[in-house]
C-alpha atoms as a PDB file:
ATOM      1  CA  MET A   1      -0.008   0.076  -0.165  1.00  0.00           C
ATOM      2  CA  ALA A   2       1.285   3.371  -1.010  1.00  0.00           C
ATOM      3  CA  ILE A   3       0.719   5.462   2.037  1.00  0.00           C
ATOM      4  CA  GLN A   4       2.258   2.557   4.130  1.00  0.00           C
ATOM      5  CA  ASN A   5       5.244   2.486   2.049  1.00  0.00           C
ATOM      6  CA  SER A   6       5.609   6.554   2.369  1.00  0.00           C
ATOM      7  CA  ILE A   7       5.073   6.322   5.662  1.00  0.00           C
ATOM      8  CA  LEU A   8       8.051   3.493   6.547  1.00  0.00           C
ATOM      9  CA  ASN A   9      10.216   5.788   4.650  1.00  0.00           C
ATOM     10  CA  GLY A  10      10.033   8.902   6.323  1.00  0.00           C
ATOM     11  CA  GLY A  11       7.072  10.563   4.512  1.00  0.00           C
ATOM     12  CA  LYS A  12       3.786  11.416   5.260  1.00  0.00           C
ATOM     13  CA  LEU A  13       0.502  12.083   4.615  1.00  0.00           C
ATOM     14  CA  LEU A  14      -1.124  14.871   2.977  1.00  0.00           C
ATOM     15  CA  THR A  15      -4.928  15.582   2.682  1.00  0.00           C
ATOM     16  CA  CYS A  16      -7.479  17.704   1.617  1.00  0.00           C
ATOM     17  CA  GLY A  17     -11.030  18.913  -0.006  1.00  0.00           C
ATOM     18  CA  ASN A  18     -13.024  20.955  -0.007  1.00  0.00           C
ATOM     19  CA  GLY A  19     -16.837  20.851   1.921  1.00  0.00           C
ATOM     20  CA  GLY A  20     -18.175  17.374   1.956  1.00  0.00           C
ATOM     21  CA  SER A  21     -14.722  16.131   0.959  1.00  0.00           C
ATOM     22  CA  ALA A  22     -13.075  18.127   3.688  1.00  0.00           C
ATOM     23  CA  ALA A  23     -14.487  16.166   6.233  1.00  0.00           C
ATOM     24  CA  ASP A  24     -13.111  12.945   4.423  1.00  0.00           C
ATOM     25  CA  ALA A  25      -9.552  14.601   4.274  1.00  0.00           C
ATOM     26  CA  LEU A  26      -9.927  15.734   8.078  1.00  0.00           C
ATOM     27  CA  HIS A  27     -11.027  11.861   8.911  1.00  0.00           C
ATOM     28  CA  LEU A  28      -8.402  10.050   7.202  1.00  0.00           C
ATOM     29  CA  SER A  29      -5.545  12.524   8.864  1.00  0.00           C
ATOM     30  CA  GLU A  30      -7.006  12.428  12.237  1.00  0.00           C
ATOM     31  CA  GLU A  31      -7.945   8.765  12.429  1.00  0.00           C
ATOM     32  CA  LEU A  32      -3.742   8.273  11.393  1.00  0.00           C
ATOM     33  CA  VAL A  33      -2.238  10.998  14.295  1.00  0.00           C
ATOM     34  CA  GLY A  34      -4.756   9.232  17.167  1.00  0.00           C
ATOM     35  CA  ARG A  35      -6.146   5.697  16.269  1.00  0.00           C
ATOM     36  CA  TYR A  36      -8.623   4.144  14.438  1.00  0.00           C
ATOM     37  CA  GLN A  37      -9.361   1.115  15.800  1.00  0.00           C
ATOM     38  CA  ALA A  38      -6.164  -1.003  16.625  1.00  0.00           C
ATOM     39  CA  GLU A  39      -3.520   0.874  19.353  1.00  0.00           C
ATOM     40  CA  ARG A  40      -0.428   1.813  17.262  1.00  0.00           C
ATOM     41  CA  ARG A  41       1.712   4.360  17.421  1.00  0.00           C
ATOM     42  CA  SER A  42       0.976   7.585  15.515  1.00  0.00           C
ATOM     43  CA  LEU A  43       1.593   8.223  11.726  1.00  0.00           C
ATOM     44  CA  PRO A  44       2.576  11.645  10.690  1.00  0.00           C
ATOM     45  CA  ALA A  45      -0.369  13.034   8.433  1.00  0.00           C
ATOM     46  CA  ILE A  46      -1.759  17.018   8.188  1.00  0.00           C
ATOM     47  CA  CYS A  47      -5.067  17.675   6.286  1.00  0.00           C
ATOM     48  CA  LEU A  48      -4.852  20.955   4.583  1.00  0.00           C
ATOM     49  CA  ASN A  49      -8.267  22.600   5.144  1.00  0.00           C
ATOM     50  CA  ALA A  50      -7.782  22.469   9.184  1.00  0.00           C
ATOM     51  CA  ASP A  51      -5.828  25.429   9.527  1.00  0.00           C
ATOM     52  CA  VAL A  52      -8.446  28.093   9.137  1.00  0.00           C
ATOM     53  CA  THR A  53      -5.267  30.867   9.430  1.00  0.00           C
ATOM     54  CA  ALA A  54      -3.680  28.911   7.467  1.00  0.00           C
ATOM     55  CA  ILE A  55      -6.114  28.789   4.666  1.00  0.00           C
ATOM     56  CA  THR A  56      -7.270  32.304   5.367  1.00  0.00           C
ATOM     57  CA  CYS A  57      -4.024  34.099   4.975  1.00  0.00           C
ATOM     58  CA  ILE A  58      -2.973  32.069   1.223  1.00  0.00           C
ATOM     59  CA  GLY A  59      -6.563  32.460   0.056  1.00  0.00           C
ATOM     60  CA  ASN A  60      -6.421  36.454   1.105  1.00  0.00           C
ATOM     61  CA  ASP A  61      -2.595  36.757  -0.470  1.00  0.00           C
ATOM     62  CA  TYR A  62      -2.970  34.371  -3.166  1.00  0.00           C
ATOM     63  CA  GLY A  63      -6.776  33.488  -3.792  1.00  0.00           C
ATOM     64  CA  PHE A  64      -8.594  30.497  -2.787  1.00  0.00           C
ATOM     65  CA  GLU A  65      -7.143  28.406  -5.893  1.00  0.00           C
ATOM     66  CA  GLN A  66      -3.518  28.302  -4.267  1.00  0.00           C
ATOM     67  CA  ILE A  67      -4.749  27.482  -0.199  1.00  0.00           C
ATOM     68  CA  PHE A  68      -3.242  23.655  -0.380  1.00  0.00           C
ATOM     69  CA  SER A  69      -0.803  24.045  -3.344  1.00  0.00           C
ATOM     70  CA  ARG A  70       1.212  26.768  -1.017  1.00  0.00           C
ATOM     71  CA  GLN A  71       1.065  24.307   1.888  1.00  0.00           C
ATOM     72  CA  VAL A  72       2.261  21.274  -0.473  1.00  0.00           C
ATOM     73  CA  HIS A  73       5.448  23.590  -1.017  1.00  0.00           C
ATOM     74  CA  GLY A  74       5.306  24.514   2.251  1.00  0.00           C
ATOM     75  CA  LEU A  75       5.117  20.893   3.728  1.00  0.00           C
ATOM     76  CA  GLY A  76       5.561  18.446   1.299  1.00  0.00           C
ATOM     77  CA  LYS A  77       9.306  16.830   0.310  1.00  0.00           C
ATOM     78  CA  PRO A  78       9.451  13.457  -1.507  1.00  0.00           C
ATOM     79  CA  ASN A  79       8.279   9.716  -0.204  1.00  0.00           C
ATOM     80  CA  ASP A  80       5.242  12.187   0.623  1.00  0.00           C
ATOM     81  CA  ILE A  81       1.716  11.347  -0.003  1.00  0.00           C
ATOM     82  CA  LEU A  82      -1.122  14.165  -1.558  1.00  0.00           C
ATOM     83  CA  VAL A  83      -5.024  12.626  -1.054  1.00  0.00           C
ATOM     84  CA  GLY A  84      -7.040  14.605  -2.441  1.00  0.00           C
ATOM     85  CA  PHE A  85     -10.641  14.468  -2.147  1.00  0.00           C
ATOM     86  CA  SER A  86     -13.066  15.945  -4.881  1.00  0.00           C
ATOM     87  CA  THR A  87     -16.688  14.794  -5.609  1.00  0.00           C
ATOM     88  CA  SER A  88     -16.810  16.629  -9.250  1.00  0.00           C
ATOM     89  CA  GLY A  89     -12.948  16.729  -9.747  1.00  0.00           C
ATOM     90  CA  ASN A  90     -13.459  19.878 -10.731  1.00  0.00           C
ATOM     91  CA  SER A  91     -12.179  21.900  -7.702  1.00  0.00           C
ATOM     92  CA  ALA A  92      -9.680  23.926  -8.661  1.00  0.00           C
ATOM     93  CA  ASN A  93      -8.000  24.000  -5.174  1.00  0.00           C
ATOM     94  CA  VAL A  94      -7.373  20.356  -5.082  1.00  0.00           C
ATOM     95  CA  LEU A  95      -5.993  20.165  -8.962  1.00  0.00           C
ATOM     96  CA  ALA A  96      -3.485  23.093  -7.959  1.00  0.00           C
ATOM     97  CA  ALA A  97      -2.202  20.463  -4.568  1.00  0.00           C
ATOM     98  CA  PHE A  98      -2.246  17.591  -7.249  1.00  0.00           C
ATOM     99  CA  GLU A  99       0.002  19.859  -9.728  1.00  0.00           C
ATOM    100  CA  GLN A 100       2.349  21.162  -7.280  1.00  0.00           C
ATOM    101  CA  ALA A 101       2.948  17.823  -5.354  1.00  0.00           C
ATOM    102  CA  ARG A 102       3.742  16.661  -8.887  1.00  0.00           C
ATOM    103  CA  ARG A 103       6.807  19.192  -9.101  1.00  0.00           C
ATOM    104  CA  GLN A 104       8.239  18.391  -5.924  1.00  0.00           C
ATOM    105  CA  GLY A 105       7.585  14.276  -6.727  1.00  0.00           C
ATOM    106  CA  ILE A 106       4.907  13.859  -3.790  1.00  0.00           C
ATOM    107  CA  VAL A 107       2.701  10.597  -4.713  1.00  0.00           C
ATOM    108  CA  THR A 108      -0.762  11.460  -5.275  1.00  0.00           C
ATOM    109  CA  ILE A 109      -4.146   9.965  -4.901  1.00  0.00           C
ATOM    110  CA  TYR A 110      -7.312  10.956  -6.181  1.00  0.00           C
ATOM    111  CA  LEU A 111     -10.840  10.473  -4.340  1.00  0.00           C
ATOM    112  CA  GLY A 112     -13.364  11.438  -7.568  1.00  0.00           C
ATOM    113  CA  GLY A 113     -17.018  10.835  -8.282  1.00  0.00           C
ATOM    114  CA  LYS A 114     -19.281  11.371 -11.626  1.00  0.00           C
ATOM    115  CA  LYS A 115     -16.623  10.893 -14.583  1.00  0.00           C
ATOM    116  CA  GLY A 116     -13.702  12.533 -12.817  1.00  0.00           C
ATOM    117  CA  GLY A 117     -13.737  15.619 -13.894  1.00  0.00           C
ATOM    118  CA  ALA A 118     -10.833  17.581 -14.543  1.00  0.00           C
ATOM    119  CA  MET A 119      -8.802  15.456 -12.200  1.00  0.00           C
ATOM    120  CA  LYS A 120      -9.126  12.511 -14.287  1.00  0.00           C
ATOM    121  CA  GLY A 121      -5.566  11.171 -15.433  1.00  0.00           C
ATOM    122  CA  THR A 122      -3.213  13.399 -13.458  1.00  0.00           C
ATOM    123  CA  CYS A 123      -3.239  11.852 -10.669  1.00  0.00           C
ATOM    124  CA  ASP A 124      -0.356   8.823  -9.443  1.00  0.00           C
ATOM    125  CA  HIS A 125      -4.002   6.786  -8.329  1.00  0.00           C
ATOM    126  CA  GLU A 126      -7.115   7.920  -8.825  1.00  0.00           C
ATOM    127  CA  ILE A 127     -10.283   5.854  -7.130  1.00  0.00           C
ATOM    128  CA  ILE A 128     -13.480   7.588  -9.325  1.00  0.00           C
ATOM    129  CA  VAL A 129     -16.931   7.067  -8.099  1.00  0.00           C
ATOM    130  CA  PRO A 130     -19.242   6.152 -11.188  1.00  0.00           C
ATOM    131  CA  SER A 131     -21.633   8.241  -9.866  1.00  0.00           C
ATOM    132  CA  ASN A 132     -23.866  11.848  -9.912  1.00  0.00           C
ATOM    133  CA  THR A 133     -25.026  11.305  -6.534  1.00  0.00           C
ATOM    134  CA  THR A 134     -22.738  13.060  -4.535  1.00  0.00           C
ATOM    135  CA  ALA A 135     -23.722  11.260  -1.558  1.00  0.00           C
ATOM    136  CA  ARG A 136     -23.138   8.248  -2.835  1.00  0.00           C
ATOM    137  CA  ILE A 137     -19.458   9.251  -3.788  1.00  0.00           C
ATOM    138  CA  GLN A 138     -18.910  10.237  -0.644  1.00  0.00           C
ATOM    139  CA  GLU A 139     -20.133   7.067   0.964  1.00  0.00           C
ATOM    140  CA  VAL A 140     -18.069   5.221  -1.264  1.00  0.00           C
ATOM    141  CA  HIS A 141     -14.804   7.583  -0.202  1.00  0.00           C
ATOM    142  CA  THR A 142     -15.657   6.779   3.654  1.00  0.00           C
ATOM    143  CA  PHE A 143     -15.702   3.416   3.065  1.00  0.00           C
ATOM    144  CA  ILE A 144     -12.253   3.492   0.970  1.00  0.00           C
ATOM    145  CA  LEU A 145     -10.498   5.336   3.841  1.00  0.00           C
ATOM    146  CA  HIS A 146     -12.322   2.810   6.041  1.00  0.00           C
ATOM    147  CA  GLN A 147      -9.897   0.015   4.510  1.00  0.00           C
ATOM    148  CA  TRP A 148      -7.143   2.010   3.698  1.00  0.00           C
ATOM    149  CA  LEU A 149      -7.518   2.527   8.112  1.00  0.00           C
ATOM    150  CA  GLU A 150      -8.364  -1.267   8.338  1.00  0.00           C
ATOM    151  CA  LEU A 151      -4.724  -2.197   6.821  1.00  0.00           C
ATOM    152  CA  LEU A 152      -2.474   0.799   8.589  1.00  0.00           C
ATOM    153  CA  ASP A 153      -4.117  -0.327  11.876  1.00  0.00           C
ATOM    154  CA  THR A 154      -2.721  -4.079  11.749  1.00  0.00           C
ATOM    155  CA  ALA A 155       0.821  -2.853   9.938  1.00  0.00           C
ATOM    156  CA  ASP A 156       3.676  -3.146  11.465  1.00  0.00           C
ATOM    157  CA  TRP A 157       5.102   0.068  12.687  1.00  0.00           C
ATOM    158  CA  ASN A 158       8.039  -1.117  14.734  1.00  0.00           C
ATOM    159  CA  THR A 159      10.066  -0.351  12.350  1.00  0.00           C
ATOM    160  CA  LEU A 160       9.433   3.342  12.993  1.00  0.00           C
ATOM    161  CA  ASN A 161      11.586   5.637  15.234  1.00  0.00           C
END
């Protein structure tokens, strides 16, 4: 699993999204830093839509489309993973974050919906839920992130400091 390999190699997970997708991004990150079901060490994850001061500063100074890419630029490094959630696939700020991540050698994972939108084909890994109903797309995204968390809960993290 790409997320596990990233963390084992000194990387971290960055997540982002807007609206309900922001909630999914936050959910994934907080379950890694805290815990999901099993007791395990805290894992490195940052949700880029969680820091309202960064979002409003960057939005004010650079525009809403740069709120995530500016954070990727400052926080991201090779071996990290960026997971972006967008039910439409057309969120300009998530797309800009993916573009910045690629420039920095960061692996990108896109969880989308509908037909994939502008993000389709732009990431290293993508899971596109073929539905036009936002609620169904988000339900599948939650199922996917829970499956990832279950896998990560059972991984051997003893090699990390």
